[in-house]
C-alpha atoms as a PDB file:
ATOM      1  CA  MET A   1     184.680 145.370  84.670  1.00  0.00           C
ATOM      2  CA  ASN A   2     186.435 143.267  82.045  1.00  0.00           C
ATOM      3  CA  ALA A   3     189.267 144.778  79.979  1.00  0.00           C
ATOM      4  CA  ALA A   4     187.878 146.530  76.919  1.00  0.00           C
ATOM      5  CA  GLN A   5     187.984 144.162  73.952  1.00  0.00           C
ATOM      6  CA  ASP A   6     185.718 143.181  71.090  1.00  0.00           C
ATOM      7  CA  LYS A   7     183.757 140.014  71.746  1.00  0.00           C
ATOM      8  CA  LEU A   8     180.732 137.901  70.848  1.00  0.00           C
ATOM      9  CA  GLU A   9     179.216 135.827  73.639  1.00  0.00           C
ATOM     10  CA  ILE A  10     176.044 133.770  73.691  1.00  0.00           C
ATOM     11  CA  LEU A  11     174.681 134.414  77.173  1.00  0.00           C
ATOM     12  CA  SER A  12     174.593 131.596  79.665  1.00  0.00           C
ATOM     13  CA  GLY A  13     171.986 131.127  82.384  1.00  0.00           C
ATOM     14  CA  LYS A  14     174.939 130.997  84.790  1.00  0.00           C
ATOM     15  CA  LEU A  15     174.899 134.802  84.693  1.00  0.00           C
ATOM     16  CA  LEU A  16     171.924 134.670  87.054  1.00  0.00           C
ATOM     17  CA  ASP A  17     174.203 133.309  89.781  1.00  0.00           C
ATOM     18  CA  GLU A  18     177.432 135.030  88.761  1.00  0.00           C
ATOM     19  CA  GLU A  19     175.749 138.456  88.813  1.00  0.00           C
ATOM     20  CA  ARG A  20     173.248 137.713  91.612  1.00  0.00           C
ATOM     21  CA  SER A  21     173.551 141.060  93.376  1.00  0.00           C
ATOM     22  CA  THR A  22     172.858 142.919  90.124  1.00  0.00           C
ATOM     23  CA  ILE A  23     169.951 140.588  89.323  1.00  0.00           C
ATOM     24  CA  GLU A  24     168.320 141.216  92.707  1.00  0.00           C
ATOM     25  CA  ALA A  25     168.830 144.983  92.412  1.00  0.00           C
ATOM     26  CA  LEU A  26     167.148 144.903  88.986  1.00  0.00           C
ATOM     27  CA  ARG A  27     164.222 142.948  90.382  1.00  0.00           C
ATOM     28  CA  ARG A  28     163.732 145.359  93.281  1.00  0.00           C
ATOM     29  CA  LEU A  29     163.764 148.312  90.911  1.00  0.00           C
ATOM     30  CA  ALA A  30     161.330 146.605  88.532  1.00  0.00           C
ATOM     31  CA  ARG A  31     158.854 146.049  91.374  1.00  0.00           C
ATOM     32  CA  ARG A  32     159.093 149.698  92.391  1.00  0.00           C
ATOM     33  CA  LEU A  33     158.552 150.981  88.857  1.00  0.00           C
ATOM     34  CA  ARG A  34     156.012 148.298  87.866  1.00  0.00           C
ATOM     35  CA  VAL A  35     158.084 147.108  84.901  1.00  0.00           C
ATOM     36  CA  GLU A  36     158.083 143.506  83.677  1.00  0.00           C
ATOM     37  CA  PHE A  37     161.137 141.799  82.169  1.00  0.00           C
ATOM     38  CA  GLY A  38     161.330 140.176  78.767  1.00  0.00           C
ATOM     39  CA  TRP A  39     161.989 136.476  79.182  1.00  0.00           C
ATOM     40  CA  HIS A  40     165.793 136.728  78.743  1.00  0.00           C
ATOM     41  CA  TYR A  41     166.265 140.392  79.704  1.00  0.00           C
ATOM     42  CA  LEU A  42     167.846 139.705  83.092  1.00  0.00           C
ATOM     43  CA  LEU A  43     170.657 137.918  81.253  1.00  0.00           C
ATOM     44  CA  ASP A  44     170.987 140.783  78.767  1.00  0.00           C
ATOM     45  CA  LEU A  45     171.023 143.458  81.459  1.00  0.00           C
ATOM     46  CA  ALA A  46     173.477 141.603  83.699  1.00  0.00           C
ATOM     47  CA  TRP A  47     175.893 140.968  80.818  1.00  0.00           C
ATOM     48  CA  ILE A  48     175.911 144.601  79.700  1.00  0.00           C
ATOM     49  CA  LEU A  49     176.169 146.012  83.208  1.00  0.00           C
ATOM     50  CA  LYS A  50     179.155 143.861  84.134  1.00  0.00           C
ATOM     51  CA  HIS A  51     181.059 145.434  81.222  1.00  0.00           C
ATOM     52  CA  LEU A  52     180.332 149.013  82.316  1.00  0.00           C
ATOM     53  CA  PRO A  53     182.485 150.928  84.817  1.00  0.00           C
ATOM     54  CA  PRO A  54     180.994 151.911  88.198  1.00  0.00           C
ATOM     55  CA  LEU A  55     178.063 154.250  87.619  1.00  0.00           C
ATOM     56  CA  SER A  56     178.702 157.863  88.516  1.00  0.00           C
ATOM     57  CA  PRO A  57     177.470 161.397  87.666  1.00  0.00           C
ATOM     58  CA  GLY A  58     180.365 161.829  85.229  1.00  0.00           C
ATOM     59  CA  LEU A  59     179.258 158.946  83.009  1.00  0.00           C
ATOM     60  CA  LEU A  60     177.025 159.555  79.960  1.00  0.00           C
ATOM     61  CA  VAL A  61     175.412 156.479  78.412  1.00  0.00           C
ATOM     62  CA  MET A  62     173.094 156.161  75.433  1.00  0.00           C
ATOM     63  CA  ASP A  63     170.349 153.549  75.832  1.00  0.00           C
ATOM     64  CA  ALA A  64     169.553 152.711  72.196  1.00  0.00           C
ATOM     65  CA  GLY A  65     166.051 151.346  71.665  1.00  0.00           C
ATOM     66  CA  ALA A  66     165.243 152.110  75.289  1.00  0.00           C
ATOM     67  CA  GLY A  67     161.439 152.251  75.202  1.00  0.00           C
ATOM     68  CA  THR A  68     160.403 152.329  78.848  1.00  0.00           C
ATOM     69  CA  GLY A  69     162.733 149.446  79.674  1.00  0.00           C
ATOM     70  CA  MET A  70     164.844 148.878  82.745  1.00  0.00           C
ATOM     71  CA  MET A  71     168.330 149.777  81.572  1.00  0.00           C
ATOM     72  CA  GLN A  72     167.845 153.566  81.563  1.00  0.00           C
ATOM     73  CA  TRP A  73     166.284 153.569  85.030  1.00  0.00           C
ATOM     74  CA  TYR A  74     169.034 151.369  86.479  1.00  0.00           C
ATOM     75  CA  LEU A  75     171.731 153.616  85.008  1.00  0.00           C
ATOM     76  CA  ALA A  76     170.032 156.708  86.438  1.00  0.00           C
ATOM     77  CA  GLU A  77     169.728 155.015  89.846  1.00  0.00           C
ATOM     78  CA  GLY A  78     173.507 154.855  89.898  1.00  0.00           C
ATOM     79  CA  GLY A  79     173.792 158.544  89.053  1.00  0.00           C
ATOM     80  CA  ALA A  80     174.798 158.209  85.396  1.00  0.00           C
ATOM     81  CA  GLY A  81     173.434 160.528  82.733  1.00  0.00           C
ATOM     82  CA  VAL A  82     171.327 158.743  80.101  1.00  0.00           C
ATOM     83  CA  VAL A  83     170.382 159.626  76.539  1.00  0.00           C
ATOM     84  CA  SER A  84     167.260 157.479  76.054  1.00  0.00           C
ATOM     85  CA  VAL A  85     166.594 156.896  72.345  1.00  0.00           C
ATOM     86  CA  ASP A  86     163.707 155.071  70.715  1.00  0.00           C
ATOM     87  CA  ARG A  87     161.824 155.520  67.445  1.00  0.00           C
ATOM     88  CA  ALA A  88     158.542 155.013  69.324  1.00  0.00           C
ATOM     89  CA  SER A  89     157.411 158.197  71.047  1.00  0.00           C
ATOM     90  CA  ARG A  90     157.616 158.438  74.828  1.00  0.00           C
ATOM     91  CA  SER A  91     156.292 162.006  74.823  1.00  0.00           C
ATOM     92  CA  HIS A  92     153.547 160.997  77.264  1.00  0.00           C
ATOM     93  CA  LEU A  93     155.881 159.075  79.548  1.00  0.00           C
ATOM     94  CA  PRO A  94     153.866 157.908  82.585  1.00  0.00           C
ATOM     95  CA  LEU A  95     154.182 160.005  85.713  1.00  0.00           C
ATOM     96  CA  ARG A  96     155.386 157.047  87.771  1.00  0.00           C
ATOM     97  CA  PHE A  97     158.748 157.413  85.986  1.00  0.00           C
ATOM     98  CA  ARG A  98     158.816 161.210  86.178  1.00  0.00           C
ATOM     99  CA  THR A  99     158.412 161.127  89.956  1.00  0.00           C
ATOM    100  CA  GLN A 100     161.596 159.066  90.273  1.00  0.00           C
ATOM    101  CA  TYR A 101     164.092 160.741  87.940  1.00  0.00           C
ATOM    102  CA  ARG A 102     165.113 164.070  86.464  1.00  0.00           C
ATOM    103  CA  ILE A 103     163.734 163.635  82.947  1.00  0.00           C
ATOM    104  CA  GLU A 104     163.721 166.111  80.068  1.00  0.00           C
ATOM    105  CA  GLY A 105     163.146 165.957  76.328  1.00  0.00           C
ATOM    106  CA  LEU A 106     166.047 166.635  73.984  1.00  0.00           C
ATOM    107  CA  ARG A 107     163.576 168.634  71.862  1.00  0.00           C
ATOM    108  CA  ALA A 108     160.257 170.152  72.898  1.00  0.00           C
ATOM    109  CA  GLU A 109     158.319 167.412  71.094  1.00  0.00           C
ATOM    110  CA  ASP A 110     160.214 164.602  72.814  1.00  0.00           C
ATOM    111  CA  LEU A 111     158.495 165.010  76.192  1.00  0.00           C
ATOM    112  CA  ALA A 112     155.082 166.566  76.760  1.00  0.00           C
ATOM    113  CA  PRO A 113     154.478 168.705  79.873  1.00  0.00           C
ATOM    114  CA  VAL A 114     153.212 166.911  82.956  1.00  0.00           C
ATOM    115  CA  SER A 115     149.890 168.721  82.578  1.00  0.00           C
ATOM    116  CA  ALA A 116     149.406 167.182  79.124  1.00  0.00           C
ATOM    117  CA  VAL A 117     150.067 163.708  80.512  1.00  0.00           C
ATOM    118  CA  MET A 118     147.492 164.295  83.233  1.00  0.00           C
ATOM    119  CA  ARG A 119     144.899 165.405  80.670  1.00  0.00           C
ATOM    120  CA  HIS A 120     145.696 162.345  78.570  1.00  0.00           C
ATOM    121  CA  GLU A 121     145.244 159.986  81.524  1.00  0.00           C
ATOM    122  CA  PHE A 122     142.043 161.765  82.552  1.00  0.00           C
ATOM    123  CA  ALA A 123     140.607 161.468  79.029  1.00  0.00           C
ATOM    124  CA  LYS A 124     141.311 157.717  78.924  1.00  0.00           C
ATOM    125  CA  ALA A 125     139.289 157.021  82.093  1.00  0.00           C
ATOM    126  CA  PRO A 126     135.975 155.399  81.037  1.00  0.00           C
ATOM    127  CA  ASP A 127     133.558 157.022  83.529  1.00  0.00           C
ATOM    128  CA  ILE A 128     133.351 159.854  86.038  1.00  0.00           C
ATOM    129  CA  LYS A 129     134.400 157.711  88.991  1.00  0.00           C
ATOM    130  CA  CYS A 130     137.517 156.545  87.139  1.00  0.00           C
ATOM    131  CA  LYS A 131     138.204 160.090  85.982  1.00  0.00           C
ATOM    132  CA  LEU A 132     138.117 161.385  89.560  1.00  0.00           C
ATOM    133  CA  ARG A 133     140.364 158.562  90.708  1.00  0.00           C
ATOM    134  CA  SER A 134     142.800 159.324  87.869  1.00  0.00           C
ATOM    135  CA  LEU A 135     142.779 163.027  88.695  1.00  0.00           C
ATOM    136  CA  THR A 136     143.416 162.403  92.399  1.00  0.00           C
ATOM    137  CA  LYS A 137     146.269 160.002  91.692  1.00  0.00           C
ATOM    138  CA  ASN A 138     147.876 162.277  89.132  1.00  0.00           C
ATOM    139  CA  LEU A 139     147.661 165.325  91.385  1.00  0.00           C
ATOM    140  CA  ALA A 140     149.537 163.388  94.044  1.00  0.00           C
ATOM    141  CA  LEU A 141     152.126 162.348  91.462  1.00  0.00           C
ATOM    142  CA  LEU A 142     152.393 165.918  90.226  1.00  0.00           C
ATOM    143  CA  VAL A 143     153.672 167.029  93.626  1.00  0.00           C
ATOM    144  CA  LYS A 144     156.378 164.350  93.468  1.00  0.00           C
ATOM    145  CA  THR A 145     157.498 165.384  89.977  1.00  0.00           C
ATOM    146  CA  LEU A 146     158.341 168.842  91.307  1.00  0.00           C
ATOM    147  CA  LEU A 147     161.042 167.452  93.587  1.00  0.00           C
ATOM    148  CA  PRO A 148     162.276 164.115  92.185  1.00  0.00           C
ATOM    149  CA  PRO A 149     165.078 162.330  94.043  1.00  0.00           C
ATOM    150  CA  HIS A 150     168.638 163.286  93.178  1.00  0.00           C
ATOM    151  CA  ARG A 151     169.535 160.642  90.606  1.00  0.00           C
ATOM    152  CA  GLY A 152     171.086 160.650  87.168  1.00  0.00           C
ATOM    153  CA  HIS A 153     169.574 162.847  84.470  1.00  0.00           C
ATOM    154  CA  ILE A 154     167.610 161.193  81.615  1.00  0.00           C
ATOM    155  CA  LEU A 155     167.225 162.886  78.242  1.00  0.00           C
ATOM    156  CA  ILE A 156     164.371 161.499  76.109  1.00  0.00           C
ATOM    157  CA  TYR A 157     165.027 161.480  72.352  1.00  0.00           C
ATOM    158  CA  ASN A 158     162.324 159.994  70.112  1.00  0.00           C
ATOM    159  CA  GLN A 159     164.278 159.226  66.961  1.00  0.00           C
ATOM    160  CA  ASP A 160     165.188 156.419  64.564  1.00  0.00           C
ATOM    161  CA  LEU A 161     168.586 155.000  65.495  1.00  0.00           C
ATOM    162  CA  LYS A 162     169.983 155.364  61.985  1.00  0.00           C
ATOM    163  CA  THR A 163     169.519 159.151  61.958  1.00  0.00           C
ATOM    164  CA  LEU A 164     170.617 160.622  65.293  1.00  0.00           C
ATOM    165  CA  THR A 165     170.868 164.055  63.721  1.00  0.00           C
ATOM    166  CA  ASP A 166     170.575 166.001  66.994  1.00  0.00           C
ATOM    167  CA  LEU A 167     173.579 164.339  68.614  1.00  0.00           C
ATOM    168  CA  PRO A 168     177.176 165.405  67.839  1.00  0.00           C
ATOM    169  CA  ASP A 169     180.075 163.090  67.095  1.00  0.00           C
ATOM    170  CA  ALA A 170     181.873 161.488  70.062  1.00  0.00           C
ATOM    171  CA  HIS A 171     179.128 162.541  72.470  1.00  0.00           C
ATOM    172  CA  VAL A 172     178.614 159.583  74.868  1.00  0.00           C
ATOM    173  CA  ASP A 173     180.953 157.384  76.879  1.00  0.00           C
ATOM    174  CA  PHE A 174     179.068 154.142  76.187  1.00  0.00           C
ATOM    175  CA  VAL A 175     176.207 152.943  74.018  1.00  0.00           C
ATOM    176  CA  VAL A 176     174.032 150.096  75.299  1.00  0.00           C
ATOM    177  CA  ALA A 177     171.207 148.323  73.478  1.00  0.00           C
ATOM    178  CA  VAL A 178     169.098 145.668  75.209  1.00  0.00           C
ATOM    179  CA  SER A 179     167.476 143.297  72.704  1.00  0.00           C
ATOM    180  CA  ALA A 180     166.579 146.214  70.437  1.00  0.00           C
ATOM    181  CA  LEU A 181     168.729 146.239  67.306  1.00  0.00           C
ATOM    182  CA  GLU A 182     167.249 142.992  65.956  1.00  0.00           C
ATOM    183  CA  HIS A 183     163.891 144.746  65.558  1.00  0.00           C
ATOM    184  CA  ASN A 184     165.275 147.087  62.910  1.00  0.00           C
ATOM    185  CA  PRO A 185     164.956 146.203  59.212  1.00  0.00           C
ATOM    186  CA  PHE A 186     167.884 143.960  58.290  1.00  0.00           C
ATOM    187  CA  ASP A 187     169.090 146.302  55.546  1.00  0.00           C
ATOM    188  CA  ASP A 188     169.204 149.222  58.032  1.00  0.00           C
ATOM    189  CA  LEU A 189     171.512 147.553  60.542  1.00  0.00           C
ATOM    190  CA  ASP A 190     174.793 148.694  58.994  1.00  0.00           C
ATOM    191  CA  ALA A 191     173.578 152.305  59.105  1.00  0.00           C
ATOM    192  CA  VAL A 192     172.269 151.900  62.669  1.00  0.00           C
ATOM    193  CA  VAL A 193     175.567 150.542  64.004  1.00  0.00           C
ATOM    194  CA  ALA A 194     177.559 153.182  62.106  1.00  0.00           C
ATOM    195  CA  GLU A 195     175.438 155.925  63.684  1.00  0.00           C
ATOM    196  CA  LEU A 196     175.814 154.463  67.170  1.00  0.00           C
ATOM    197  CA  MET A 197     179.574 154.304  66.702  1.00  0.00           C
ATOM    198  CA  ARG A 198     179.605 157.908  65.428  1.00  0.00           C
ATOM    199  CA  VAL A 199     178.164 159.322  68.661  1.00  0.00           C
ATOM    200  CA  LEU A 200     180.463 157.140  70.808  1.00  0.00           C
ATOM    201  CA  LYS A 201     183.671 158.636  72.186  1.00  0.00           C
ATOM    202  CA  PRO A 202     186.994 157.016  71.194  1.00  0.00           C
ATOM    203  CA  GLY A 203     187.820 154.290  73.690  1.00  0.00           C
ATOM    204  CA  GLY A 204     184.146 153.774  74.513  1.00  0.00           C
ATOM    205  CA  MET A 205     182.178 150.581  73.953  1.00  0.00           C
ATOM    206  CA  LEU A 206     179.004 149.673  72.135  1.00  0.00           C
ATOM    207  CA  LEU A 207     177.418 146.915  74.234  1.00  0.00           C
ATOM    208  CA  ALA A 208     174.424 145.281  72.561  1.00  0.00           C
ATOM    209  CA  THR A 209     172.428 142.137  73.070  1.00  0.00           C
ATOM    210  CA  VAL A 210     170.608 140.623  70.112  1.00  0.00           C
ATOM    211  CA  ALA A 211     169.300 137.158  69.195  1.00  0.00           C
ATOM    212  CA  ALA A 212     171.670 134.431  68.018  1.00  0.00           C
ATOM    213  CA  ALA A 213     171.249 131.965  65.158  1.00  0.00           C
ATOM    214  CA  PRO A 214     173.436 128.822  64.870  1.00  0.00           C
ATOM    215  CA  ASP A 215     174.245 129.001  61.150  1.00  0.00           C
ATOM    216  CA  GLU A 216     172.029 131.273  59.030  1.00  0.00           C
ATOM    217  CA  ASP A 217     170.128 134.447  59.865  1.00  0.00           C
ATOM    218  CA  TRP A 218     166.394 133.963  60.341  1.00  0.00           C
ATOM    219  CA  PHE A 219     163.406 136.082  61.304  1.00  0.00           C
ATOM    220  CA  HIS A 220     161.367 135.190  64.394  1.00  0.00           C
ATOM    221  CA  GLN A 221     157.899 136.197  63.251  1.00  0.00           C
ATOM    222  CA  PRO A 222     156.097 136.346  66.656  1.00  0.00           C
ATOM    223  CA  SER A 223     158.588 138.824  68.137  1.00  0.00           C
ATOM    224  CA  GLN A 224     159.342 140.556  64.822  1.00  0.00           C
ATOM    225  CA  GLY A 225     163.061 140.187  65.406  1.00  0.00           C
ATOM    226  CA  TRP A 226     166.080 138.877  63.521  1.00  0.00           C
ATOM    227  CA  CYS A 227     168.329 136.106  64.818  1.00  0.00           C
ATOM    228  CA  PHE A 228     171.927 136.497  63.641  1.00  0.00           C
ATOM    229  CA  SER A 229     174.729 134.106  62.825  1.00  0.00           C
ATOM    230  CA  SER A 230     178.259 134.766  64.038  1.00  0.00           C
ATOM    231  CA  ALA A 231     179.298 135.692  60.486  1.00  0.00           C
ATOM    232  CA  SER A 232     176.571 138.334  60.173  1.00  0.00           C
ATOM    233  CA  LEU A 233     177.330 139.867  63.567  1.00  0.00           C
ATOM    234  CA  ARG A 234     181.015 140.102  62.680  1.00  0.00           C
ATOM    235  CA  ARG A 235     180.138 141.941  59.483  1.00  0.00           C
ATOM    236  CA  ILE A 236     177.491 144.267  60.981  1.00  0.00           C
ATOM    237  CA  PHE A 237     179.682 145.254  63.962  1.00  0.00           C
ATOM    238  CA  ASP A 238     182.966 145.186  62.013  1.00  0.00           C
ATOM    239  CA  LEU A 239     184.554 142.567  64.252  1.00  0.00           C
ATOM    240  CA  SER A 240     187.800 140.927  63.181  1.00  0.00           C
ATOM    241  CA  ALA A 241     188.316 137.224  62.603  1.00  0.00           C
ATOM    242  CA  GLU A 242     190.262 137.142  65.895  1.00  0.00           C
ATOM    243  CA  THR A 243     187.272 138.320  67.939  1.00  0.00           C
ATOM    244  CA  PRO A 244     186.405 135.436  70.292  1.00  0.00           C
ATOM    245  CA  ASP A 245     182.953 133.857  70.344  1.00  0.00           C
ATOM    246  CA  ASN A 246     181.263 130.735  71.733  1.00  0.00           C
ATOM    247  CA  PHE A 247     178.888 129.917  68.871  1.00  0.00           C
ATOM    248  CA  GLN A 248     180.369 126.412  68.731  1.00  0.00           C
ATOM    249  CA  ARG A 249     178.426 125.813  71.975  1.00  0.00           C
ATOM    250  CA  TYR A 250     175.121 127.065  70.524  1.00  0.00           C
ATOM    251  CA  ASP A 251     173.149 123.813  70.968  1.00  0.00           C
ATOM    252  CA  GLU A 252     174.533 123.164  74.451  1.00  0.00           C
ATOM    253  CA  LEU A 253     173.750 126.684  75.643  1.00  0.00           C
ATOM    254  CA  LEU A 254     170.247 126.663  74.133  1.00  0.00           C
ATOM    255  CA  ALA A 255     169.459 123.345  75.852  1.00  0.00           C
ATOM    256  CA  ALA A 256     170.625 124.786  79.180  1.00  0.00           C
ATOM    257  CA  LEU A 257     168.558 127.935  78.618  1.00  0.00           C
ATOM    258  CA  ARG A 258     165.446 125.856  77.921  1.00  0.00           C
ATOM    259  CA  GLY A 259     166.023 124.088  81.224  1.00  0.00           C
ATOM    260  CA  CYS A 260     166.497 127.303  83.248  1.00  0.00           C
ATOM    261  CA  ALA A 261     163.793 127.086  85.924  1.00  0.00           C
ATOM    262  CA  GLU A 262     164.443 130.598  87.256  1.00  0.00           C
ATOM    263  CA  LEU A 263     163.595 132.222  83.922  1.00  0.00           C
ATOM    264  CA  ARG A 264     160.761 129.794  83.145  1.00  0.00           C
ATOM    265  CA  ASP A 265     159.037 130.195  86.495  1.00  0.00           C
ATOM    266  CA  ASN A 266     159.231 133.998  86.421  1.00  0.00           C
ATOM    267  CA  LEU A 267     157.873 134.525  82.922  1.00  0.00           C
ATOM    268  CA  ALA A 268     156.137 137.914  82.707  1.00  0.00           C
ATOM    269  CA  LYS A 269     152.351 137.859  82.585  1.00  0.00           C
ATOM    270  CA  PHE A 270     152.168 139.924  79.405  1.00  0.00           C
ATOM    271  CA  TYR A 271     153.399 136.942  77.386  1.00  0.00           C
ATOM    272  CA  SER A 272     150.212 134.994  78.062  1.00  0.00           C
ATOM    273  CA  ARG A 273     148.036 137.719  76.526  1.00  0.00           C
ATOM    274  CA  SER A 274     149.326 137.438  72.955  1.00  0.00           C
ATOM    275  CA  GLY A 275     151.064 135.265  70.399  1.00  0.00           C
ATOM    276  CA  ASP A 276     152.976 138.242  69.018  1.00  0.00           C
ATOM    277  CA  ASN A 277     156.006 138.179  71.295  1.00  0.00           C
ATOM    278  CA  GLY A 278     159.146 136.246  72.141  1.00  0.00           C
ATOM    279  CA  MET A 279     157.279 133.577  74.092  1.00  0.00           C
ATOM    280  CA  PRO A 280     153.900 133.232  72.301  1.00  0.00           C
ATOM    281  CA  TRP A 281     150.908 132.765  74.629  1.00  0.00           C
ATOM    282  CA  GLY A 282     153.198 132.316  77.622  1.00  0.00           C
ATOM    283  CA  VAL A 283     154.318 128.805  76.674  1.00  0.00           C
ATOM    284  CA  TRP A 284     157.907 128.320  77.776  1.00  0.00           C
ATOM    285  CA  ASP A 285     159.698 127.232  74.614  1.00  0.00           C
ATOM    286  CA  PRO A 286     162.797 129.323  73.785  1.00  0.00           C
ATOM    287  CA  GLN A 287     163.381 129.337  70.024  1.00  0.00           C
ATOM    288  CA  TYR A 288     166.456 131.564  70.126  1.00  0.00           C
ATOM    289  CA  GLN A 289     168.929 132.826  72.709  1.00  0.00           C
ATOM    290  CA  PRO A 290     170.552 136.155  73.504  1.00  0.00           C
ATOM    291  CA  VAL A 291     174.081 136.977  72.412  1.00  0.00           C
ATOM    292  CA  GLY A 292     176.163 139.871  73.664  1.00  0.00           C
ATOM    293  CA  VAL A 293     178.238 142.013  71.306  1.00  0.00           C
ATOM    294  CA  CYS A 294     181.030 144.287  72.517  1.00  0.00           C
ATOM    295  CA  LYS A 295     182.569 146.682  69.997  1.00  0.00           C
ATOM    296  CA  VAL A 296     185.296 149.062  71.167  1.00  0.00           C
ATOM    297  CA  LYS A 297     185.766 152.352  69.302  1.00  0.00           C
ATOM    298  CA  ASN A 298     189.424 152.891  68.542  1.00  0.00           C
END
């Protein structure tokens, strides 16, 4: 792990080789859980994980804007405790995740009982044959949820990031956010970051990846996400003028990213089904690039 210091770093495709063991572990876990990666998420995940200490049962990490993404599952695999926060409800979290980890809701409404999830899946099945297949599968999964493997504990919290009212001050060791904060309204970002820093213990780090812009902030309509200049990120995250960054290499790094065959050739299938995402209709044409932000709480 690098020494704790504030930084801004546009992520290079070289991370795929530099963090190869982590990349392969993430891919194996994604296959097991049937999770697909966003087009740059392997870079985001690898950058954040290399800044964390070794995962252990004593570590408590908030995954901010977690959805059903990979970070929380990877952290739990290593034994860490996870507070999984997202404004979108995961109350009916699929059973394939519940069979793997010890998962609870922070509040009763944050995670429905397994029986409710089974009824929900059964009701979605279009005909009697599909309903019977769903019931059989879910009964088998139900048995597994009773005795999940001994991994880190995950606490589901369905809440807007700017109002984490159920969490006390200085509660978590680290806060991580994988390509999530840019999907908040621009005017809310100061409040979001302030709230994330509030629940972070002194000496801990907020590690976030967002989208970078070379000069001025702009909104990427297909993915509904903001791209931020260095100046805006410094203001939002309260980074000093001495905080290092590599935005002077923006064009060079974007050209290299566009030429990254490993990311291009492994583009997730879900991109080809819609134009409302970060890679509309599955056409490889990166219009922005990820940047990592590290903010240390003094």
